[in-house]
Amino acid sequence: MTELPDHLCEYCDAQAGLAEQLVTVYRHRGDQHFIFENVPARVCSGCGHRYFSIEVAEQMEQWMELPDISSYARPVPVIHLPERP
């Protein structure tokens, strides 16, 4: 993990710096859900907000547009919370 120079986070306004990390990203489009693993990101050391390069963001978008991209499938539990009175 590489610590990058101080950066003012646009979410927490902390100048805590950004760290380069590999993260897991959960995305969905319509009723399809996608899990991207080992995604390079710059992560705010203060609040954890993740910043992706334009190349990484575009690559994820392109993968979600492919007709059959799953390298393997994982069962995902769906939890329905009861309505509150």
N, C-alpha and C. Protein backbone atom coordinates (compact mmCIF):
# COMPACT_ATOMS: atom_id res chain seq x y z
N MET A 1 0.86 -1.18 0.00
CA MET A 1 0.00 0.00 0.00
C MET A 1 0.89 1.23 0.00
N THR A 2 0.68 2.12 -0.92
CA THR A 2 1.47 3.33 -1.04
C THR A 2 0.65 4.51 -0.58
N GLU A 3 1.19 5.29 0.34
CA GLU A 3 0.53 6.51 0.80
C GLU A 3 0.87 7.63 -0.17
N LEU A 4 -0.13 8.32 -0.66
CA LEU A 4 0.08 9.40 -1.60
C LEU A 4 0.06 10.73 -0.86
N PRO A 5 0.55 11.79 -1.48
CA PRO A 5 0.60 13.09 -0.81
C PRO A 5 -0.77 13.53 -0.28
N ASP A 6 -0.73 14.42 0.71
CA ASP A 6 -1.98 14.92 1.29
C ASP A 6 -2.92 15.39 0.19
N HIS A 7 -4.18 15.10 0.40
CA HIS A 7 -5.21 15.42 -0.57
C HIS A 7 -6.46 15.79 0.20
N LEU A 8 -7.11 16.85 -0.19
CA LEU A 8 -8.35 17.25 0.46
C LEU A 8 -9.48 16.39 -0.10
N CYS A 9 -9.99 15.49 0.72
CA CYS A 9 -11.07 14.60 0.28
C CYS A 9 -12.33 15.42 0.05
N GLU A 10 -12.98 15.18 -1.07
CA GLU A 10 -14.19 15.95 -1.39
C GLU A 10 -15.38 15.55 -0.53
N TYR A 11 -15.27 14.45 0.24
CA TYR A 11 -16.37 13.99 1.08
C TYR A 11 -16.19 14.34 2.55
N CYS A 12 -14.98 14.20 3.06
CA CYS A 12 -14.79 14.45 4.50
C CYS A 12 -13.94 15.69 4.76
N ASP A 13 -13.44 16.34 3.71
CA ASP A 13 -12.60 17.53 3.81
C ASP A 13 -11.34 17.32 4.64
N ALA A 14 -10.96 16.06 4.87
CA ALA A 14 -9.75 15.77 5.63
C ALA A 14 -8.56 15.73 4.67
N GLN A 15 -7.45 16.24 5.14
CA GLN A 15 -6.22 16.13 4.36
C GLN A 15 -5.44 14.94 4.90
N ALA A 16 -6.08 13.79 4.89
CA ALA A 16 -5.48 12.59 5.48
C ALA A 16 -4.61 11.83 4.49
N GLY A 17 -4.68 12.17 3.23
CA GLY A 17 -3.92 11.47 2.22
C GLY A 17 -4.70 10.32 1.62
N LEU A 18 -4.24 9.87 0.47
CA LEU A 18 -4.88 8.75 -0.21
C LEU A 18 -3.89 7.60 -0.26
N ALA A 19 -4.41 6.40 -0.10
CA ALA A 19 -3.57 5.21 -0.18
C ALA A 19 -4.00 4.38 -1.38
N GLU A 20 -3.03 3.90 -2.15
CA GLU A 20 -3.34 3.01 -3.26
C GLU A 20 -3.65 1.64 -2.70
N GLN A 21 -4.82 1.10 -3.06
CA GLN A 21 -5.24 -0.20 -2.56
C GLN A 21 -6.00 -0.95 -3.64
N LEU A 22 -6.08 -2.26 -3.48
CA LEU A 22 -6.96 -3.08 -4.32
C LEU A 22 -8.23 -3.30 -3.53
N VAL A 23 -9.38 -2.98 -4.12
CA VAL A 23 -10.66 -3.04 -3.41
C VAL A 23 -11.65 -3.91 -4.18
N THR A 24 -12.73 -4.25 -3.51
CA THR A 24 -13.85 -4.95 -4.13
C THR A 24 -14.96 -3.94 -4.38
N VAL A 25 -15.51 -3.95 -5.59
CA VAL A 25 -16.54 -2.98 -5.98
C VAL A 25 -17.82 -3.74 -6.31
N TYR A 26 -18.93 -3.31 -5.72
CA TYR A 26 -20.24 -3.88 -5.99
C TYR A 26 -21.03 -2.90 -6.84
N ARG A 27 -21.47 -3.34 -8.01
CA ARG A 27 -22.23 -2.48 -8.90
C ARG A 27 -23.48 -3.23 -9.34
N HIS A 28 -24.47 -2.48 -9.77
CA HIS A 28 -25.64 -3.12 -10.36
C HIS A 28 -26.17 -2.26 -11.50
N ARG A 29 -26.79 -2.94 -12.42
CA ARG A 29 -27.42 -2.27 -13.56
C ARG A 29 -28.72 -3.03 -13.80
N GLY A 30 -29.83 -2.36 -13.59
CA GLY A 30 -31.13 -3.02 -13.69
C GLY A 30 -31.21 -4.10 -12.61
N ASP A 31 -31.51 -5.32 -13.02
CA ASP A 31 -31.60 -6.40 -12.04
C ASP A 31 -30.33 -7.26 -12.02
N GLN A 32 -29.28 -6.81 -12.69
CA GLN A 32 -28.01 -7.53 -12.69
C GLN A 32 -27.08 -6.93 -11.65
N HIS A 33 -26.37 -7.81 -10.94
CA HIS A 33 -25.41 -7.37 -9.93
C HIS A 33 -24.03 -7.86 -10.32
N PHE A 34 -23.03 -7.03 -10.08
CA PHE A 34 -21.66 -7.33 -10.46
C PHE A 34 -20.74 -7.12 -9.27
N ILE A 35 -19.78 -8.01 -9.13
CA ILE A 35 -18.75 -7.87 -8.10
C ILE A 35 -17.41 -7.84 -8.82
N PHE A 36 -16.69 -6.75 -8.69
CA PHE A 36 -15.36 -6.62 -9.26
C PHE A 36 -14.35 -6.76 -8.12
N GLU A 37 -13.42 -7.67 -8.26
CA GLU A 37 -12.40 -7.88 -7.23
C GLU A 37 -11.05 -7.37 -7.72
N ASN A 38 -10.20 -7.01 -6.77
CA ASN A 38 -8.83 -6.54 -7.07
C ASN A 38 -8.82 -5.30 -7.96
N VAL A 39 -9.70 -4.35 -7.67
CA VAL A 39 -9.80 -3.12 -8.45
C VAL A 39 -8.86 -2.08 -7.85
N PRO A 40 -7.95 -1.53 -8.65
CA PRO A 40 -7.06 -0.49 -8.11
C PRO A 40 -7.84 0.79 -7.82
N ALA A 41 -7.60 1.34 -6.63
CA ALA A 41 -8.30 2.57 -6.22
C ALA A 41 -7.38 3.39 -5.33
N ARG A 42 -7.69 4.65 -5.21
CA ARG A 42 -7.05 5.52 -4.23
C ARG A 42 -8.09 5.73 -3.13
N VAL A 43 -7.74 5.38 -1.90
CA VAL A 43 -8.69 5.37 -0.80
C VAL A 43 -8.31 6.44 0.22
N CYS A 44 -9.29 7.27 0.59
CA CYS A 44 -9.07 8.32 1.59
C CYS A 44 -8.79 7.67 2.94
N SER A 45 -7.69 8.07 3.56
CA SER A 45 -7.32 7.53 4.87
C SER A 45 -8.23 8.04 5.98
N GLY A 46 -8.97 9.11 5.71
CA GLY A 46 -9.86 9.67 6.72
C GLY A 46 -11.23 9.00 6.75
N CYS A 47 -11.90 8.92 5.58
CA CYS A 47 -13.28 8.42 5.56
C CYS A 47 -13.45 7.13 4.76
N GLY A 48 -12.43 6.75 3.99
CA GLY A 48 -12.53 5.52 3.22
C GLY A 48 -13.13 5.68 1.83
N HIS A 49 -13.47 6.92 1.45
CA HIS A 49 -14.02 7.10 0.10
C HIS A 49 -13.00 6.65 -0.92
N ARG A 50 -13.49 6.01 -1.99
CA ARG A 50 -12.60 5.45 -3.01
C ARG A 50 -12.67 6.26 -4.30
N TYR A 51 -11.51 6.52 -4.86
CA TYR A 51 -11.39 7.23 -6.13
C TYR A 51 -10.81 6.26 -7.16
N PHE A 52 -11.45 6.20 -8.34
CA PHE A 52 -11.00 5.32 -9.41
C PHE A 52 -10.52 6.17 -10.58
N SER A 53 -9.50 5.69 -11.27
CA SER A 53 -9.06 6.38 -12.48
C SER A 53 -10.15 6.24 -13.55
N ILE A 54 -10.12 7.12 -14.53
CA ILE A 54 -11.11 7.05 -15.60
C ILE A 54 -10.97 5.74 -16.36
N GLU A 55 -9.74 5.24 -16.50
CA GLU A 55 -9.52 3.98 -17.21
C GLU A 55 -10.18 2.82 -16.48
N VAL A 56 -10.05 2.78 -15.16
CA VAL A 56 -10.64 1.70 -14.36
C VAL A 56 -12.17 1.80 -14.41
N ALA A 57 -12.72 3.00 -14.26
CA ALA A 57 -14.18 3.19 -14.30
C ALA A 57 -14.74 2.77 -15.66
N GLU A 58 -14.06 3.16 -16.73
CA GLU A 58 -14.53 2.79 -18.07
C GLU A 58 -14.44 1.27 -18.29
N GLN A 59 -13.39 0.64 -17.77
CA GLN A 59 -13.25 -0.80 -17.92
C GLN A 59 -14.38 -1.54 -17.21
N MET A 60 -14.76 -1.09 -16.01
CA MET A 60 -15.88 -1.73 -15.31
C MET A 60 -17.17 -1.56 -16.11
N GLU A 61 -17.40 -0.36 -16.65
CA GLU A 61 -18.60 -0.13 -17.47
C GLU A 61 -18.61 -1.05 -18.69
N GLN A 62 -17.48 -1.21 -19.35
CA GLN A 62 -17.41 -2.09 -20.52
C GLN A 62 -17.71 -3.53 -20.15
N TRP A 63 -17.17 -4.00 -19.03
CA TRP A 63 -17.42 -5.39 -18.60
C TRP A 63 -18.90 -5.60 -18.31
N MET A 64 -19.57 -4.60 -17.75
CA MET A 64 -20.99 -4.76 -17.43
C MET A 64 -21.86 -4.79 -18.68
N GLU A 65 -21.36 -4.29 -19.80
CA GLU A 65 -22.13 -4.28 -21.04
C GLU A 65 -22.00 -5.57 -21.84
N LEU A 66 -21.04 -6.43 -21.50
CA LEU A 66 -20.86 -7.68 -22.23
C LEU A 66 -22.01 -8.63 -21.94
N PRO A 67 -22.43 -9.43 -22.94
CA PRO A 67 -23.60 -10.30 -22.75
C PRO A 67 -23.40 -11.38 -21.69
N ASP A 68 -22.22 -12.01 -21.64
CA ASP A 68 -21.98 -13.06 -20.64
C ASP A 68 -20.56 -12.93 -20.14
N ILE A 69 -20.40 -12.25 -19.01
CA ILE A 69 -19.06 -11.95 -18.52
C ILE A 69 -18.65 -12.75 -17.30
N SER A 70 -19.56 -13.52 -16.74
CA SER A 70 -19.25 -14.15 -15.46
C SER A 70 -18.15 -15.20 -15.60
N SER A 71 -17.09 -15.00 -14.83
CA SER A 71 -16.05 -16.02 -14.79
C SER A 71 -16.46 -17.12 -13.82
N TYR A 72 -17.24 -16.75 -12.84
CA TYR A 72 -17.90 -17.71 -11.96
C TYR A 72 -19.01 -16.97 -11.24
N ALA A 73 -19.99 -17.71 -10.78
CA ALA A 73 -21.14 -17.10 -10.12
C ALA A 73 -21.09 -17.40 -8.63
N ARG A 74 -21.59 -16.47 -7.85
CA ARG A 74 -21.70 -16.63 -6.41
C ARG A 74 -23.15 -16.46 -6.01
N PRO A 75 -23.64 -17.35 -5.16
CA PRO A 75 -24.99 -17.11 -4.64
C PRO A 75 -24.96 -15.91 -3.69
N VAL A 76 -25.96 -15.06 -3.82
CA VAL A 76 -26.05 -13.87 -2.98
C VAL A 76 -27.37 -13.90 -2.24
N PRO A 77 -27.34 -13.88 -0.91
CA PRO A 77 -28.61 -13.88 -0.18
C PRO A 77 -29.37 -12.57 -0.39
N VAL A 78 -30.65 -12.67 -0.51
CA VAL A 78 -31.52 -11.49 -0.61
C VAL A 78 -32.33 -11.45 0.67
N ILE A 79 -32.19 -10.37 1.41
CA ILE A 79 -32.85 -10.25 2.71
C ILE A 79 -33.93 -9.19 2.61
N HIS A 80 -35.15 -9.56 2.87
CA HIS A 80 -36.27 -8.64 2.82
C HIS A 80 -36.60 -8.22 4.24
N LEU A 81 -36.44 -6.92 4.54
CA LEU A 81 -36.74 -6.42 5.87
C LEU A 81 -38.25 -6.20 6.01
N PRO A 82 -38.80 -6.54 7.16
CA PRO A 82 -40.25 -6.30 7.35
C PRO A 82 -40.54 -4.80 7.37
N GLU A 83 -41.73 -4.46 6.95
CA GLU A 83 -42.14 -3.06 6.98
C GLU A 83 -42.31 -2.61 8.42
N ARG A 84 -41.97 -1.37 8.66
CA ARG A 84 -42.12 -0.81 10.00
C ARG A 84 -43.52 -0.21 10.14
N PRO A 85 -44.14 -0.40 11.30
CA PRO A 85 -45.50 0.16 11.48
C PRO A 85 -45.52 1.66 11.51
